[in-house]
Amino acid sequence: MGTSKSPPMVIPHDVLAVLQVLSPKQRQLVFDFAEFLLQKQRKSESEESADSPPIPG
């Protein structure tokens, strides 16, 4: 069995199929939302690494 390492950002084919059916306006909304989620994720990651409080023990 070969090790099939997939790149981090893989879009499933069914999602691509859905995007093709959408109108350009709807597609733009989907992309905007995806971009928003990515920025939110990056923001929370940078905040966590910036000021990680000491673990109380």
Protein backbone atom coordinates (compact mmCIF):
# COMPACT_ATOMS: atom_id res chain seq x y z
CA MET A 1 0.00 0.00 0.00
CA GLY A 2 1.46 3.34 -1.03
CA THR A 3 1.38 6.32 1.26
CA SER A 4 -1.05 8.70 -0.38
CA LYS A 5 -0.33 12.02 1.29
CA SER A 6 -2.86 14.57 0.18
CA PRO A 7 -2.10 18.31 0.20
CA PRO A 8 -3.64 20.22 3.14
CA MET A 9 -6.33 22.08 1.17
CA VAL A 10 -8.21 19.38 -0.72
CA ILE A 11 -11.71 20.20 -1.91
CA PRO A 12 -13.90 17.10 -2.28
CA HIS A 13 -15.32 16.53 -5.76
CA ASP A 14 -18.90 16.78 -4.53
CA VAL A 15 -18.17 20.27 -3.22
CA LEU A 16 -16.73 21.24 -6.59
CA ALA A 17 -19.84 19.85 -8.26
CA VAL A 18 -22.04 21.96 -6.00
CA LEU A 19 -19.95 25.07 -6.72
CA GLN A 20 -20.36 24.53 -10.47
CA VAL A 21 -24.15 24.49 -10.10
CA LEU A 22 -24.25 27.69 -8.06
CA SER A 23 -24.67 31.07 -9.67
CA PRO A 24 -21.60 33.36 -9.68
CA LYS A 25 -23.16 35.44 -6.89
CA GLN A 26 -23.76 32.39 -4.68
CA ARG A 27 -20.29 31.11 -5.49
CA GLN A 28 -18.81 34.43 -4.36
CA LEU A 29 -20.69 34.14 -1.07
CA VAL A 30 -19.24 30.67 -0.53
CA PHE A 31 -15.71 31.89 -1.23
CA ASP A 32 -16.16 34.94 1.01
CA PHE A 33 -17.38 32.70 3.82
CA ALA A 34 -14.47 30.30 3.35
CA GLU A 35 -12.03 33.22 3.42
CA PHE A 36 -13.70 34.54 6.59
CA LEU A 37 -13.34 31.16 8.29
CA LEU A 38 -9.67 30.92 7.30
CA GLN A 39 -8.92 34.40 8.66
CA LYS A 40 -10.79 33.60 11.87
CA GLN A 41 -8.79 30.40 12.26
CA ARG A 42 -5.48 32.17 11.63
CA LYS A 43 -6.44 34.90 14.10
CA SER A 44 -7.23 32.44 16.88
CA GLU A 45 -4.02 30.51 16.18
CA SER A 46 -1.86 33.64 16.34
CA GLU A 47 -3.61 34.82 19.51
CA GLU A 48 -3.05 31.46 21.19
CA SER A 49 0.66 31.45 20.38
CA ALA A 50 1.08 35.14 21.23
CA ASP A 51 -0.25 35.13 24.77
CA SER A 52 -0.52 31.58 25.99
CA PRO A 53 -1.20 31.84 29.73
CA PRO A 54 0.84 29.65 32.07
CA ILE A 55 -0.95 26.45 32.97
CA PRO A 56 -2.28 26.73 36.53
CA GLY A 57 -1.20 23.81 38.65
